[in-house]
Amino acid sequence: MKNITTIQDVYPAVEELIPLLKEQGYTELSCILEHRMHEVTWTSASELYEELRDVLCDAMSKFDTTDEIGYQMKKLVAVIEAEGCI
């Protein structure tokens, strides 16, 4: 998966995460992220990042943060929060 170091990396990293979640059986989370990314109209990028952070934080309790999916989710949240986008 893509290395996530800046806020510009978040959108493509979430795009990569969606099919991986679906493949691993996390269809509901995959659909939620897909919906937020492609079907909701956001008034600002900050709104999108805040929503992504909230969805990922809620879901992270179900994942081991040492596996690939959990680590990516943790990293996404950390970058969103560090960049001050919310």
PDB file of N, CA and C in Angstrom:
ATOM      1  N   MET A   1       0.828  -1.182   0.000  1.00  0.00           N
ATOM      2  CA  MET A   1       0.000   0.000   0.000  1.00  0.00           C
ATOM      3  C   MET A   1       0.871   1.242   0.000  1.00  0.00           C
ATOM      4  N   LYS A   2       0.265   2.313  -0.398  1.00  0.00           N
ATOM      5  CA  LYS A   2       0.936   3.597  -0.507  1.00  0.00           C
ATOM      6  C   LYS A   2       1.450   4.068   0.851  1.00  0.00           C
ATOM      7  N   ASN A   3       2.656   4.658   0.833  1.00  0.00           N
ATOM      8  CA  ASN A   3       3.203   5.271   2.029  1.00  0.00           C
ATOM      9  C   ASN A   3       2.445   6.574   2.297  1.00  0.00           C
ATOM     10  N   ILE A   4       1.983   6.763   3.505  1.00  0.00           N
ATOM     11  CA  ILE A   4       1.173   7.924   3.852  1.00  0.00           C
ATOM     12  C   ILE A   4       2.017   8.856   4.712  1.00  0.00           C
ATOM     13  N   THR A   5       2.413   9.979   4.135  1.00  0.00           N
ATOM     14  CA  THR A   5       3.225  10.926   4.883  1.00  0.00           C
ATOM     15  C   THR A   5       2.630  12.328   4.912  1.00  0.00           C
ATOM     16  N   THR A   6       1.806  12.674   3.927  1.00  0.00           N
ATOM     17  CA  THR A   6       1.199  14.003   3.879  1.00  0.00           C
ATOM     18  C   THR A   6      -0.295  13.876   3.607  1.00  0.00           C
ATOM     19  N   ILE A   7      -0.997  14.954   3.763  1.00  0.00           N
ATOM     20  CA  ILE A   7      -2.433  14.955   3.530  1.00  0.00           C
ATOM     21  C   ILE A   7      -2.763  14.610   2.071  1.00  0.00           C
ATOM     22  N   GLN A   8      -1.869  14.906   1.159  1.00  0.00           N
ATOM     23  CA  GLN A   8      -2.091  14.563  -0.250  1.00  0.00           C
ATOM     24  C   GLN A   8      -2.089  13.060  -0.478  1.00  0.00           C
ATOM     25  N   ASP A   9      -1.510  12.319   0.445  1.00  0.00           N
ATOM     26  CA  ASP A   9      -1.466  10.862   0.335  1.00  0.00           C
ATOM     27  C   ASP A   9      -2.744  10.187   0.841  1.00  0.00           C
ATOM     28  N   VAL A  10      -3.571  10.928   1.574  1.00  0.00           N
ATOM     29  CA  VAL A  10      -4.738  10.331   2.226  1.00  0.00           C
ATOM     30  C   VAL A  10      -5.745   9.809   1.216  1.00  0.00           C
ATOM     31  N   TYR A  11      -6.145  10.638   0.260  1.00  0.00           N
ATOM     32  CA  TYR A  11      -7.186  10.239  -0.694  1.00  0.00           C
ATOM     33  C   TYR A  11      -6.781   8.971  -1.457  1.00  0.00           C
ATOM     34  N   PRO A  12      -5.593   8.934  -2.077  1.00  0.00           N
ATOM     35  CA  PRO A  12      -5.216   7.701  -2.785  1.00  0.00           C
ATOM     36  C   PRO A  12      -5.064   6.498  -1.862  1.00  0.00           C
ATOM     37  N   ALA A  13      -4.625   6.724  -0.629  1.00  0.00           N
ATOM     38  CA  ALA A  13      -4.472   5.607   0.303  1.00  0.00           C
ATOM     39  C   ALA A  13      -5.840   5.028   0.696  1.00  0.00           C
ATOM     40  N   VAL A  14      -6.836   5.884   0.864  1.00  0.00           N
ATOM     41  CA  VAL A  14      -8.183   5.392   1.170  1.00  0.00           C
ATOM     42  C   VAL A  14      -8.721   4.631  -0.040  1.00  0.00           C
ATOM     43  N   GLU A  15      -8.444   5.118  -1.233  1.00  0.00           N
ATOM     44  CA  GLU A  15      -8.866   4.423  -2.459  1.00  0.00           C
ATOM     45  C   GLU A  15      -8.263   3.018  -2.518  1.00  0.00           C
ATOM     46  N   GLU A  16      -7.032   2.862  -2.077  1.00  0.00           N
ATOM     47  CA  GLU A  16      -6.393   1.543  -2.042  1.00  0.00           C
ATOM     48  C   GLU A  16      -6.963   0.672  -0.929  1.00  0.00           C
ATOM     49  N   LEU A  17      -7.353   1.299   0.163  1.00  0.00           N
ATOM     50  CA  LEU A  17      -7.865   0.570   1.315  1.00  0.00           C
ATOM     51  C   LEU A  17      -9.250  -0.035   1.056  1.00  0.00           C
ATOM     52  N   ILE A  18     -10.074   0.645   0.289  1.00  0.00           N
ATOM     53  CA  ILE A  18     -11.454   0.200   0.053  1.00  0.00           C
ATOM     54  C   ILE A  18     -11.518  -1.224  -0.509  1.00  0.00           C
ATOM     55  N   PRO A  19     -10.837  -1.543  -1.619  1.00  0.00           N
ATOM     56  CA  PRO A  19     -10.929  -2.918  -2.122  1.00  0.00           C
ATOM     57  C   PRO A  19     -10.265  -3.938  -1.197  1.00  0.00           C
ATOM     58  N   LEU A  20      -9.225  -3.525  -0.481  1.00  0.00           N
ATOM     59  CA  LEU A  20      -8.569  -4.423   0.458  1.00  0.00           C
ATOM     60  C   LEU A  20      -9.521  -4.802   1.587  1.00  0.00           C
ATOM     61  N   LEU A  21     -10.270  -3.834   2.089  1.00  0.00           N
ATOM     62  CA  LEU A  21     -11.274  -4.112   3.114  1.00  0.00           C
ATOM     63  C   LEU A  21     -12.324  -5.086   2.594  1.00  0.00           C
ATOM     64  N   LYS A  22     -12.766  -4.852   1.368  1.00  0.00           N
ATOM     65  CA  LYS A  22     -13.791  -5.720   0.772  1.00  0.00           C
ATOM     66  C   LYS A  22     -13.260  -7.144   0.636  1.00  0.00           C
ATOM     67  N   GLU A  23     -12.014  -7.283   0.172  1.00  0.00           N
ATOM     68  CA  GLU A  23     -11.401  -8.607   0.008  1.00  0.00           C
ATOM     69  C   GLU A  23     -11.298  -9.356   1.336  1.00  0.00           C
ATOM     70  N   GLN A  24     -11.069  -8.627   2.416  1.00  0.00           N
ATOM     71  CA  GLN A  24     -10.898  -9.237   3.733  1.00  0.00           C
ATOM     72  C   GLN A  24     -12.225  -9.452   4.470  1.00  0.00           C
ATOM     73  N   GLY A  25     -13.323  -9.128   3.794  1.00  0.00           N
ATOM     74  CA  GLY A  25     -14.637  -9.369   4.386  1.00  0.00           C
ATOM     75  C   GLY A  25     -15.229  -8.213   5.164  1.00  0.00           C
ATOM     76  N   TYR A  26     -14.592  -7.061   5.107  1.00  0.00           N
ATOM     77  CA  TYR A  26     -15.102  -5.878   5.798  1.00  0.00           C
ATOM     78  C   TYR A  26     -15.926  -5.037   4.827  1.00  0.00           C
ATOM     79  N   THR A  27     -16.957  -5.653   4.299  1.00  0.00           N
ATOM     80  CA  THR A  27     -17.776  -5.044   3.253  1.00  0.00           C
ATOM     81  C   THR A  27     -18.470  -3.777   3.735  1.00  0.00           C
ATOM     82  N   GLU A  28     -18.993  -3.800   4.947  1.00  0.00           N
ATOM     83  CA  GLU A  28     -19.719  -2.626   5.449  1.00  0.00           C
ATOM     84  C   GLU A  28     -18.800  -1.407   5.529  1.00  0.00           C
ATOM     85  N   LEU A  29     -17.622  -1.574   6.094  1.00  0.00           N
ATOM     86  CA  LEU A  29     -16.678  -0.460   6.185  1.00  0.00           C
ATOM     87  C   LEU A  29     -16.235  -0.015   4.798  1.00  0.00           C
ATOM     88  N   SER A  30     -16.004  -0.967   3.927  1.00  0.00           N
ATOM     89  CA  SER A  30     -15.641  -0.647   2.550  1.00  0.00           C
ATOM     90  C   SER A  30     -16.714   0.215   1.886  1.00  0.00           C
ATOM     91  N   CYS A  31     -17.970  -0.163   2.070  1.00  0.00           N
ATOM     92  CA  CYS A  31     -19.094   0.588   1.479  1.00  0.00           C
ATOM     93  C   CYS A  31     -19.224   1.981   2.097  1.00  0.00           C
ATOM     94  N   ILE A  32     -18.999   2.077   3.398  1.00  0.00           N
ATOM     95  CA  ILE A  32     -19.071   3.388   4.054  1.00  0.00           C
ATOM     96  C   ILE A  32     -17.999   4.319   3.491  1.00  0.00           C
ATOM     97  N   LEU A  33     -16.778   3.834   3.387  1.00  0.00           N
ATOM     98  CA  LEU A  33     -15.701   4.663   2.842  1.00  0.00           C
ATOM     99  C   LEU A  33     -15.965   5.027   1.386  1.00  0.00           C
ATOM    100  N   GLU A  34     -16.433   4.070   0.612  1.00  0.00           N
ATOM    101  CA  GLU A  34     -16.766   4.325  -0.800  1.00  0.00           C
ATOM    102  C   GLU A  34     -17.831   5.421  -0.892  1.00  0.00           C
ATOM    103  N   HIS A  35     -18.843   5.327  -0.051  1.00  0.00           N
ATOM    104  CA  HIS A  35     -19.907   6.330  -0.036  1.00  0.00           C
ATOM    105  C   HIS A  35     -19.357   7.718   0.301  1.00  0.00           C
ATOM    106  N   ARG A  36     -18.546   7.788   1.357  1.00  0.00           N
ATOM    107  CA  ARG A  36     -17.998   9.082   1.774  1.00  0.00           C
ATOM    108  C   ARG A  36     -17.097   9.689   0.701  1.00  0.00           C
ATOM    109  N   MET A  37     -16.356   8.840   0.024  1.00  0.00           N
ATOM    110  CA  MET A  37     -15.400   9.328  -0.972  1.00  0.00           C
ATOM    111  C   MET A  37     -16.069   9.744  -2.284  1.00  0.00           C
ATOM    112  N   HIS A  38     -17.147   9.057  -2.678  1.00  0.00           N
ATOM    113  CA  HIS A  38     -17.661   9.252  -4.033  1.00  0.00           C
ATOM    114  C   HIS A  38     -19.113   9.697  -4.144  1.00  0.00           C
ATOM    115  N   GLU A  39     -19.871   9.598  -3.068  1.00  0.00           N
ATOM    116  CA  GLU A  39     -21.290   9.917  -3.198  1.00  0.00           C
ATOM    117  C   GLU A  39     -21.733  11.120  -2.370  1.00  0.00           C
ATOM    118  N   VAL A  40     -20.919  11.523  -1.421  1.00  0.00           N
ATOM    119  CA  VAL A  40     -21.262  12.692  -0.599  1.00  0.00           C
ATOM    120  C   VAL A  40     -20.579  13.912  -1.191  1.00  0.00           C
ATOM    121  N   THR A  41     -21.310  15.007  -1.234  1.00  0.00           N
ATOM    122  CA  THR A  41     -20.734  16.264  -1.695  1.00  0.00           C
ATOM    123  C   THR A  41     -20.283  17.049  -0.468  1.00  0.00           C
ATOM    124  N   TRP A  42     -18.995  17.297  -0.396  1.00  0.00           N
ATOM    125  CA  TRP A  42     -18.416  18.000   0.743  1.00  0.00           C
ATOM    126  C   TRP A  42     -18.227  19.466   0.388  1.00  0.00           C
ATOM    127  N   THR A  43     -18.421  20.354   1.348  1.00  0.00           N
ATOM    128  CA  THR A  43     -18.215  21.778   1.091  1.00  0.00           C
ATOM    129  C   THR A  43     -16.750  22.161   1.218  1.00  0.00           C
ATOM    130  N   SER A  44     -15.969  21.300   1.864  1.00  0.00           N
ATOM    131  CA  SER A  44     -14.532  21.560   1.980  1.00  0.00           C
ATOM    132  C   SER A  44     -13.789  20.245   2.150  1.00  0.00           C
ATOM    133  N   ALA A  45     -12.516  20.284   1.845  1.00  0.00           N
ATOM    134  CA  ALA A  45     -11.680  19.097   2.051  1.00  0.00           C
ATOM    135  C   ALA A  45     -11.613  18.757   3.531  1.00  0.00           C
ATOM    136  N   SER A  46     -11.640  19.762   4.373  1.00  0.00           N
ATOM    137  CA  SER A  46     -11.587  19.526   5.816  1.00  0.00           C
ATOM    138  C   SER A  46     -12.765  18.678   6.290  1.00  0.00           C
ATOM    139  N   GLU A  47     -13.922  18.920   5.717  1.00  0.00           N
ATOM    140  CA  GLU A  47     -15.101  18.114   6.067  1.00  0.00           C
ATOM    141  C   GLU A  47     -14.875  16.646   5.727  1.00  0.00           C
ATOM    142  N   LEU A  48     -14.353  16.398   4.528  1.00  0.00           N
ATOM    143  CA  LEU A  48     -14.077  15.023   4.110  1.00  0.00           C
ATOM    144  C   LEU A  48     -13.062  14.385   5.044  1.00  0.00           C
ATOM    145  N   TYR A  49     -11.969  15.071   5.327  1.00  0.00           N
ATOM    146  CA  TYR A  49     -10.938  14.499   6.190  1.00  0.00           C
ATOM    147  C   TYR A  49     -11.467  14.226   7.590  1.00  0.00           C
ATOM    148  N   GLU A  50     -12.289  15.124   8.102  1.00  0.00           N
ATOM    149  CA  GLU A  50     -12.870  14.912   9.426  1.00  0.00           C
ATOM    150  C   GLU A  50     -13.763  13.666   9.429  1.00  0.00           C
ATOM    151  N   GLU A  51     -14.562  13.512   8.388  1.00  0.00           N
ATOM    152  CA  GLU A  51     -15.446  12.346   8.300  1.00  0.00           C
ATOM    153  C   GLU A  51     -14.638  11.063   8.141  1.00  0.00           C
ATOM    154  N   LEU A  52     -13.600  11.087   7.317  1.00  0.00           N
ATOM    155  CA  LEU A  52     -12.750   9.909   7.161  1.00  0.00           C
ATOM    156  C   LEU A  52     -12.100   9.539   8.486  1.00  0.00           C
ATOM    157  N   ARG A  53     -11.609  10.534   9.196  1.00  0.00           N
ATOM    158  CA  ARG A  53     -11.005  10.270  10.503  1.00  0.00           C
ATOM    159  C   ARG A  53     -12.014   9.628  11.442  1.00  0.00           C
ATOM    160  N   ASP A  54     -13.221  10.175  11.491  1.00  0.00           N
ATOM    161  CA  ASP A  54     -14.248   9.636  12.388  1.00  0.00           C
ATOM    162  C   ASP A  54     -14.604   8.191  12.040  1.00  0.00           C
ATOM    163  N   VAL A  55     -14.785   7.911  10.755  1.00  0.00           N
ATOM    164  CA  VAL A  55     -15.125   6.550  10.315  1.00  0.00           C
ATOM    165  C   VAL A  55     -13.992   5.587  10.654  1.00  0.00           C
ATOM    166  N   LEU A  56     -12.770   5.998  10.366  1.00  0.00           N
ATOM    167  CA  LEU A  56     -11.619   5.130  10.622  1.00  0.00           C
ATOM    168  C   LEU A  56     -11.405   4.915  12.116  1.00  0.00           C
ATOM    169  N   CYS A  57     -11.548   5.963  12.916  1.00  0.00           N
ATOM    170  CA  CYS A  57     -11.397   5.817  14.377  1.00  0.00           C
ATOM    171  C   CYS A  57     -12.436   4.849  14.940  1.00  0.00           C
ATOM    172  N   ASP A  58     -13.670   4.973  14.470  1.00  0.00           N
ATOM    173  CA  ASP A  58     -14.719   4.059  14.927  1.00  0.00           C
ATOM    174  C   ASP A  58     -14.401   2.615  14.557  1.00  0.00           C
ATOM    175  N   ALA A  59     -13.833   2.423  13.383  1.00  0.00           N
ATOM    176  CA  ALA A  59     -13.572   1.072  12.890  1.00  0.00           C
ATOM    177  C   ALA A  59     -12.295   0.462  13.465  1.00  0.00           C
ATOM    178  N   MET A  60     -11.348   1.285  13.865  1.00  0.00           N
ATOM    179  CA  MET A  60     -10.043   0.761  14.286  1.00  0.00           C
ATOM    180  C   MET A  60     -10.115  -0.183  15.471  1.00  0.00           C
ATOM    181  N   SER A  61     -11.127  -0.070  16.296  1.00  0.00           N
ATOM    182  CA  SER A  61     -11.220  -0.966  17.448  1.00  0.00           C
ATOM    183  C   SER A  61     -11.398  -2.422  17.020  1.00  0.00           C
ATOM    184  N   LYS A  62     -11.801  -2.635  15.774  1.00  0.00           N
ATOM    185  CA  LYS A  62     -12.012  -3.992  15.268  1.00  0.00           C
ATOM    186  C   LYS A  62     -10.778  -4.580  14.588  1.00  0.00           C
ATOM    187  N   PHE A  63      -9.718  -3.804  14.498  1.00  0.00           N
ATOM    188  CA  PHE A  63      -8.541  -4.228  13.745  1.00  0.00           C
ATOM    189  C   PHE A  63      -7.308  -4.284  14.621  1.00  0.00           C
ATOM    190  N   ASP A  64      -6.421  -5.204  14.294  1.00  0.00           N
ATOM    191  CA  ASP A  64      -5.111  -5.282  14.915  1.00  0.00           C
ATOM    192  C   ASP A  64      -4.240  -4.252  14.194  1.00  0.00           C
ATOM    193  N   THR A  65      -3.730  -3.271  14.938  1.00  0.00           N
ATOM    194  CA  THR A  65      -2.957  -2.208  14.291  1.00  0.00           C
ATOM    195  C   THR A  65      -1.579  -2.665  13.831  1.00  0.00           C
ATOM    196  N   THR A  66      -1.241  -3.934  14.074  1.00  0.00           N
ATOM    197  CA  THR A  66       0.029  -4.438  13.547  1.00  0.00           C
ATOM    198  C   THR A  66      -0.154  -5.124  12.194  1.00  0.00           C
ATOM    199  N   ASP A  67      -1.406  -5.401  11.797  1.00  0.00           N
ATOM    200  CA  ASP A  67      -1.590  -5.969  10.465  1.00  0.00           C
ATOM    201  C   ASP A  67      -1.703  -4.834   9.453  1.00  0.00           C
ATOM    202  N   GLU A  68      -1.668  -5.172   8.182  1.00  0.00           N
ATOM    203  CA  GLU A  68      -1.601  -4.157   7.122  1.00  0.00           C
ATOM    204  C   GLU A  68      -2.780  -3.191   7.145  1.00  0.00           C
ATOM    205  N   ILE A  69      -3.987  -3.713   7.251  1.00  0.00           N
ATOM    206  CA  ILE A  69      -5.171  -2.852   7.232  1.00  0.00           C
ATOM    207  C   ILE A  69      -5.198  -1.956   8.467  1.00  0.00           C
ATOM    208  N   GLY A  70      -5.013  -2.533   9.616  1.00  0.00           N
ATOM    209  CA  GLY A  70      -5.031  -1.745  10.850  1.00  0.00           C
ATOM    210  C   GLY A  70      -3.950  -0.684  10.871  1.00  0.00           C
ATOM    211  N   TYR A  71      -2.764  -1.039  10.411  1.00  0.00           N
ATOM    212  CA  TYR A  71      -1.665  -0.080  10.370  1.00  0.00           C
ATOM    213  C   TYR A  71      -1.990   1.077   9.434  1.00  0.00           C
ATOM    214  N   GLN A  72      -2.536   0.766   8.254  1.00  0.00           N
ATOM    215  CA  GLN A  72      -2.883   1.822   7.299  1.00  0.00           C
ATOM    216  C   GLN A  72      -3.950   2.754   7.875  1.00  0.00           C
ATOM    217  N   MET A  73      -4.928   2.185   8.537  1.00  0.00           N
ATOM    218  CA  MET A  73      -5.975   3.011   9.134  1.00  0.00           C
ATOM    219  C   MET A  73      -5.389   3.930  10.206  1.00  0.00           C
ATOM    220  N   LYS A  74      -4.522   3.376  11.041  1.00  0.00           N
ATOM    221  CA  LYS A  74      -3.874   4.159  12.094  1.00  0.00           C
ATOM    222  C   LYS A  74      -3.039   5.281  11.495  1.00  0.00           C
ATOM    223  N   LYS A  75      -2.316   4.975  10.442  1.00  0.00           N
ATOM    224  CA  LYS A  75      -1.466   5.970   9.787  1.00  0.00           C
ATOM    225  C   LYS A  75      -2.316   7.068   9.141  1.00  0.00           C
ATOM    226  N   LEU A  76      -3.414   6.689   8.502  1.00  0.00           N
ATOM    227  CA  LEU A  76      -4.319   7.687   7.895  1.00  0.00           C
ATOM    228  C   LEU A  76      -4.828   8.663   8.942  1.00  0.00           C
ATOM    229  N   VAL A  77      -5.288   8.140  10.059  1.00  0.00           N
ATOM    230  CA  VAL A  77      -5.796   8.996  11.130  1.00  0.00           C
ATOM    231  C   VAL A  77      -4.690   9.915  11.649  1.00  0.00           C
ATOM    232  N   ALA A  78      -3.513   9.367  11.836  1.00  0.00           N
ATOM    233  CA  ALA A  78      -2.394  10.167  12.353  1.00  0.00           C
ATOM    234  C   ALA A  78      -2.030  11.309  11.417  1.00  0.00           C
ATOM    235  N   VAL A  79      -2.002  11.049  10.123  1.00  0.00           N
ATOM    236  CA  VAL A  79      -1.654  12.100   9.161  1.00  0.00           C
ATOM    237  C   VAL A  79      -2.758  13.157   9.115  1.00  0.00           C
ATOM    238  N   ILE A  80      -4.005  12.747   9.110  1.00  0.00           N
ATOM    239  CA  ILE A  80      -5.101  13.720   9.091  1.00  0.00           C
ATOM    240  C   ILE A  80      -5.018  14.618  10.323  1.00  0.00           C
ATOM    241  N   GLU A  81      -4.794  14.038  11.470  1.00  0.00           N
ATOM    242  CA  GLU A  81      -4.717  14.819  12.693  1.00  0.00           C
ATOM    243  C   GLU A  81      -3.462  15.701  12.731  1.00  0.00           C
ATOM    244  N   ALA A  82      -2.331  15.185  12.263  1.00  0.00           N
ATOM    245  CA  ALA A  82      -1.078  15.940  12.282  1.00  0.00           C
ATOM    246  C   ALA A  82      -1.112  17.125  11.322  1.00  0.00           C
ATOM    247  N   GLU A  83      -1.813  16.967  10.221  1.00  0.00           N
ATOM    248  CA  GLU A  83      -1.862  18.042   9.221  1.00  0.00           C
ATOM    249  C   GLU A  83      -2.827  19.152   9.643  1.00  0.00           C
ATOM    250  N   GLY A  84      -3.573  18.922  10.709  1.00  0.00           N
ATOM    251  CA  GLY A  84      -4.492  19.950  11.185  1.00  0.00           C
ATOM    252  C   GLY A  84      -5.627  20.243  10.230  1.00  0.00           C
ATOM    253  N   CYS A  85      -6.058  19.219   9.517  1.00  0.00           N
ATOM    254  CA  CYS A  85      -7.112  19.383   8.518  1.00  0.00           C
ATOM    255  C   CYS A  85      -8.495  19.382   9.124  1.00  0.00           C
ATOM    256  N   ILE A  86      -8.572  19.182  10.398  1.00  0.00           N
ATOM    257  CA  ILE A  86      -9.898  19.124  11.027  1.00  0.00           C
ATOM    258  C   ILE A  86     -10.009  20.164  12.123  1.00  0.00           C
TER     259      ILE A  86
END
